[in-house]
Amino acid sequence: MKRVLKNELRQLMQAAPPLPDAAKKAQLMEQARSKRLSLSTETSMLQFIKGQIRFVNKSLFACQLLLLCLYGLFTTMILKDSDGFLLLVAAAPLVVLLGSGELSRSFRYHMTELELPSRFSLPQIFMARFVIAAVVDTLSLTCMLIMTAMKTYFTFGALILYGLVPSFLAASGSLFLLNRSRNANTHYYVTAYCVGLSAFGLVSVSALPDWYDSAAITVWLLILAISIGVFALELWKLFKDSAKRLECVPLK
């Protein structure tokens, strides 16, 4: 039985394979050539960002929508007119917290080693996630601002200031922590910081009412300018450090 199998295998190996059909080969090469020419060799940053939307965690949109619904419920039905802006100061860091989870996802799930050798660079991936998170956060804060303006006596400019200051403080602090602790625990540090900032804002409304007088606008503007500067610096550092090689990026 074994000898018979060997003979059959020897005959199959000695037999010449059939020649390929020249016509079908030419047709296949033409289809491959036309397919290659139809594919775009370059991808714009806008197209790349649009393509990255489907990879964003869907819980980001769900949590932002839930936070908006809760904010609208409290500001329009539960809080008094004079308390409408108070919730904006405490809610702004929470909005930033939800968006910051996208930036720390690579280190939280140990995906950096998979993203570095991909077609797009790690700074491009971070930029796309940052833009998507920033757009979602901006839309949420805008909706909160409009709902607050409908229920409070504060001027619209003051409300914008009271929303921007805690937002940029939360964003700059989150980037500061992310740049100095790139591991699975980073998001917990960011969460603790943003929740603490939100709680401090809520307490300051009742404990430090002088902060929200018109005389303190200059101090608020100064804090806003400093926080924007720190935010820009930390954002630049995030992209700069992400451009390093794999052995220079801590993965654990």
Protein backbone atom coordinates (compact mmCIF):
# COMPACT_ATOMS: atom_id res chain seq x y z
CA MET A 1 0.00 0.00 0.00
CA LYS A 2 2.83 2.33 0.87
CA ARG A 3 4.67 1.51 -2.35
CA VAL A 4 1.56 2.28 -4.38
CA LEU A 5 1.18 5.68 -2.76
CA LYS A 6 4.83 6.49 -3.44
CA ASN A 7 4.45 5.58 -7.09
CA GLU A 8 1.34 7.74 -7.44
CA LEU A 9 3.07 10.70 -5.79
CA ARG A 10 6.11 10.24 -8.03
CA GLN A 11 3.91 10.24 -11.13
CA LEU A 12 2.10 13.38 -9.99
CA MET A 13 5.37 15.17 -9.28
CA GLN A 14 6.89 14.19 -12.62
CA ALA A 15 3.84 15.27 -14.62
CA ALA A 16 4.20 18.79 -16.03
CA PRO A 17 1.60 21.31 -14.75
CA PRO A 18 -0.81 22.68 -17.35
CA LEU A 19 0.20 25.89 -19.04
CA PRO A 20 -1.75 28.97 -17.94
CA ASP A 21 -4.32 30.37 -20.29
CA ALA A 22 -2.67 33.38 -21.94
CA ALA A 23 -5.95 35.17 -22.52
CA LYS A 24 -7.14 34.78 -18.91
CA LYS A 25 -3.69 35.81 -17.65
CA ALA A 26 -3.79 39.01 -19.71
CA GLN A 27 -7.33 39.73 -18.50
CA LEU A 28 -6.30 39.22 -14.88
CA MET A 29 -3.29 41.54 -15.28
CA GLU A 30 -5.47 44.20 -16.87
CA GLN A 31 -7.99 44.03 -14.02
CA ALA A 32 -5.21 44.29 -11.42
CA ARG A 33 -3.69 47.25 -13.27
CA SER A 34 -7.00 49.12 -13.47
CA LYS A 35 -7.76 48.36 -9.82
CA ARG A 36 -4.38 49.73 -8.75
CA LEU A 37 -4.87 52.91 -10.72
CA SER A 38 -8.34 53.46 -9.27
CA LEU A 39 -7.07 53.28 -5.69
CA SER A 40 -6.05 56.56 -4.10
CA THR A 41 -2.38 56.57 -3.13
CA GLU A 42 -2.78 59.57 -0.82
CA THR A 43 -5.27 60.25 1.93
CA SER A 44 -5.99 63.76 3.14
CA MET A 45 -6.13 64.48 6.85
CA LEU A 46 -9.85 65.20 6.62
CA GLN A 47 -10.53 61.86 4.95
CA PHE A 48 -8.39 60.12 7.54
CA ILE A 49 -10.31 61.76 10.39
CA LYS A 50 -13.63 60.76 8.81
CA GLY A 51 -12.36 57.21 8.50
CA GLN A 52 -11.33 57.14 12.15
CA ILE A 53 -14.84 58.00 13.36
CA ARG A 54 -15.94 54.39 13.03
CA PHE A 55 -13.11 53.32 15.35
CA VAL A 56 -14.15 55.74 18.12
CA ASN A 57 -15.66 54.05 21.14
CA LYS A 58 -19.43 54.37 20.79
CA SER A 59 -19.71 54.86 24.54
CA LEU A 60 -18.20 58.34 24.03
CA PHE A 61 -21.25 59.49 22.08
CA ALA A 62 -23.66 57.65 24.39
CA CYS A 63 -22.15 59.17 27.55
CA GLN A 64 -22.08 62.66 26.03
CA LEU A 65 -25.74 62.36 25.08
CA LEU A 66 -26.64 61.07 28.55
CA LEU A 67 -24.74 63.94 30.19
CA LEU A 68 -26.54 66.44 27.97
CA CYS A 69 -29.94 64.97 28.87
CA LEU A 70 -29.15 65.08 32.58
CA TYR A 71 -27.84 68.62 32.30
CA GLY A 72 -30.94 69.75 30.44
CA LEU A 73 -33.17 68.09 33.02
CA PHE A 74 -31.45 69.80 35.94
CA THR A 75 -31.14 73.24 34.38
CA THR A 76 -34.65 73.49 32.94
CA MET A 77 -36.75 71.65 35.53
CA ILE A 78 -34.94 71.36 38.86
CA LEU A 79 -32.50 74.25 39.37
CA LYS A 80 -33.60 77.81 39.94
CA ASP A 81 -32.79 80.59 37.50
CA SER A 82 -29.94 81.89 39.64
CA ASP A 83 -28.39 78.41 39.88
CA GLY A 84 -28.40 77.64 36.18
CA PHE A 85 -24.82 78.68 35.52
CA LEU A 86 -23.54 76.90 38.62
CA LEU A 87 -23.90 73.49 37.02
CA LEU A 88 -21.97 74.62 33.95
CA VAL A 89 -18.82 75.16 36.01
CA ALA A 90 -19.01 71.64 37.42
CA ALA A 91 -20.14 69.90 34.21
CA ALA A 92 -17.43 71.29 31.90
CA PRO A 93 -14.58 69.11 33.32
CA LEU A 94 -16.79 66.03 33.00
CA VAL A 95 -17.31 66.74 29.31
CA VAL A 96 -13.53 66.95 28.82
CA LEU A 97 -13.09 63.75 30.82
CA LEU A 98 -15.31 61.79 28.44
CA GLY A 99 -13.31 62.98 25.45
CA SER A 100 -9.89 62.39 27.02
CA GLY A 101 -10.57 58.65 27.14
CA GLU A 102 -9.93 58.46 23.40
CA LEU A 103 -6.41 59.85 23.76
CA SER A 104 -5.43 57.43 26.52
CA ARG A 105 -7.00 54.40 24.82
CA SER A 106 -3.75 53.30 23.14
CA PHE A 107 -1.98 53.00 26.49
CA ARG A 108 -5.01 51.71 28.39
CA TYR A 109 -5.42 48.73 26.05
CA HIS A 110 -1.70 48.37 25.11
CA MET A 111 -2.33 49.12 21.43
CA THR A 112 0.70 51.35 20.86
CA GLU A 113 2.90 48.54 19.54
CA LEU A 114 0.21 47.76 16.96
CA GLU A 115 -0.41 51.36 15.89
CA LEU A 116 3.21 52.44 15.47
CA PRO A 117 4.01 50.23 12.42
CA SER A 118 0.68 50.99 10.70
CA ARG A 119 0.31 52.95 7.45
CA PHE A 120 -0.40 56.17 9.36
CA SER A 121 1.95 57.50 12.00
CA LEU A 122 1.07 57.58 15.67
CA PRO A 123 0.89 61.41 15.73
CA GLN A 124 -1.67 61.25 12.90
CA ILE A 125 -3.75 58.75 14.86
CA PHE A 126 -3.57 60.94 17.97
CA MET A 127 -4.47 64.01 15.91
CA ALA A 128 -7.54 62.28 14.46
CA ARG A 129 -8.72 61.14 17.88
CA PHE A 130 -8.06 64.56 19.36
CA VAL A 131 -10.06 66.32 16.63
CA ILE A 132 -13.01 63.94 16.99
CA ALA A 133 -13.04 64.24 20.79
CA ALA A 134 -12.65 68.03 20.60
CA VAL A 135 -15.56 68.37 18.16
CA VAL A 136 -17.83 66.19 20.33
CA ASP A 137 -16.82 68.09 23.49
CA THR A 138 -17.37 71.46 21.80
CA LEU A 139 -20.84 70.47 20.63
CA SER A 140 -21.75 69.27 24.12
CA LEU A 141 -20.46 72.42 25.79
CA THR A 142 -22.28 74.59 23.25
CA CYS A 143 -25.57 72.83 23.96
CA MET A 144 -25.00 73.23 27.71
CA LEU A 145 -24.20 76.89 27.23
CA ILE A 146 -27.40 77.50 25.28
CA MET A 147 -29.52 75.67 27.85
CA THR A 148 -27.85 77.65 30.65
CA ALA A 149 -28.35 80.98 28.88
CA MET A 150 -32.08 80.30 28.72
CA LYS A 151 -32.36 79.93 32.50
CA THR A 152 -29.93 82.38 34.08
CA TYR A 153 -29.51 86.14 34.38
CA PHE A 154 -25.77 86.09 33.65
CA THR A 155 -24.56 87.60 30.39
CA PHE A 156 -23.68 85.30 27.52
CA GLY A 157 -20.04 86.43 27.60
CA ALA A 158 -19.74 85.59 31.29
CA LEU A 159 -21.24 82.16 30.68
CA ILE A 160 -18.73 81.48 27.92
CA LEU A 161 -15.92 82.43 30.29
CA TYR A 162 -17.30 80.24 33.09
CA GLY A 163 -17.48 77.33 30.65
CA LEU A 164 -14.10 77.80 28.97
CA VAL A 165 -11.97 78.16 32.11
CA PRO A 166 -12.85 74.79 33.70
CA SER A 167 -12.77 73.13 30.26
CA PHE A 168 -9.23 74.27 29.48
CA LEU A 169 -8.09 73.55 33.03
CA ALA A 170 -9.39 70.00 32.67
CA ALA A 171 -7.93 69.58 29.17
CA SER A 172 -4.48 70.95 30.04
CA GLY A 173 -4.30 68.88 33.23
CA SER A 174 -5.38 65.74 31.38
CA LEU A 175 -2.70 66.22 28.72
CA PHE A 176 -0.12 66.94 31.43
CA LEU A 177 -0.91 63.61 33.12
CA LEU A 178 -1.03 61.76 29.80
CA ASN A 179 2.40 63.02 28.76
CA ARG A 180 4.00 61.96 32.02
CA SER A 181 2.24 58.67 32.71
CA ARG A 182 1.63 56.65 29.57
CA ASN A 183 0.38 53.37 30.96
CA ALA A 184 -2.86 51.54 31.68
CA ASN A 185 -3.48 53.62 34.84
CA THR A 186 -3.31 56.98 33.08
CA HIS A 187 -7.05 57.23 32.56
CA TYR A 188 -7.66 56.69 36.27
CA TYR A 189 -5.38 59.62 37.08
CA VAL A 190 -7.19 61.78 34.52
CA THR A 191 -10.55 60.71 35.93
CA ALA A 192 -9.51 61.59 39.47
CA TYR A 193 -8.23 64.98 38.34
CA CYS A 194 -11.32 65.93 36.32
CA VAL A 195 -13.76 64.71 38.97
CA GLY A 196 -11.83 66.61 41.63
CA LEU A 197 -11.85 69.75 39.49
CA SER A 198 -15.59 69.36 38.95
CA ALA A 199 -16.18 68.96 42.68
CA PHE A 200 -14.00 71.98 43.44
CA GLY A 201 -15.98 74.08 40.95
CA LEU A 202 -19.24 73.02 42.52
CA VAL A 203 -18.02 73.84 46.03
CA SER A 204 -16.49 77.16 44.97
CA VAL A 205 -19.87 78.44 43.79
CA SER A 206 -21.26 78.39 47.32
CA ALA A 207 -18.04 78.81 49.33
CA LEU A 208 -16.44 81.51 47.17
CA PRO A 209 -19.25 83.55 45.62
CA ASP A 210 -16.94 86.54 45.10
CA TRP A 211 -15.20 84.60 42.34
CA TYR A 212 -18.29 84.96 40.18
CA ASP A 213 -18.70 88.72 40.53
CA SER A 214 -17.98 91.04 37.63
CA ALA A 215 -14.95 92.36 39.52
CA ALA A 216 -13.27 88.94 39.22
CA ILE A 217 -13.51 88.77 35.42
CA THR A 218 -9.87 89.83 35.08
CA VAL A 219 -8.74 86.90 37.23
CA TRP A 220 -10.85 84.51 35.14
CA LEU A 221 -9.32 85.87 31.93
CA LEU A 222 -5.82 85.45 33.37
CA ILE A 223 -6.54 81.84 34.35
CA LEU A 224 -7.98 81.21 30.89
CA ALA A 225 -4.86 82.59 29.17
CA ILE A 226 -2.55 80.47 31.33
CA SER A 227 -4.60 77.31 30.84
CA ILE A 228 -4.69 77.82 27.05
CA GLY A 229 -0.90 78.24 27.02
CA VAL A 230 -0.37 75.06 29.06
CA PHE A 231 -2.88 73.23 26.86
CA ALA A 232 -1.05 74.21 23.65
CA LEU A 233 2.33 73.26 25.14
CA GLU A 234 1.15 69.85 26.37
CA LEU A 235 -0.63 69.14 23.08
CA TRP A 236 2.57 69.89 21.16
CA LYS A 237 4.51 67.65 23.54
CA LEU A 238 1.98 64.84 23.03
CA PHE A 239 2.46 64.86 19.25
CA LYS A 240 6.22 65.30 19.55
CA ASP A 241 6.66 62.36 21.93
CA SER A 242 4.31 60.20 19.87
CA ALA A 243 6.61 60.61 16.86
CA LYS A 244 9.43 58.77 18.63
CA ARG A 245 10.35 55.22 17.81
CA LEU A 246 8.75 52.23 19.47
CA GLU A 247 11.60 51.70 21.91
CA CYS A 248 11.23 55.30 23.08
CA VAL A 249 7.52 54.99 23.91
CA PRO A 250 6.66 53.28 27.22
CA LEU A 251 4.19 50.49 26.53
CA LYS A 252 3.63 49.25 30.06
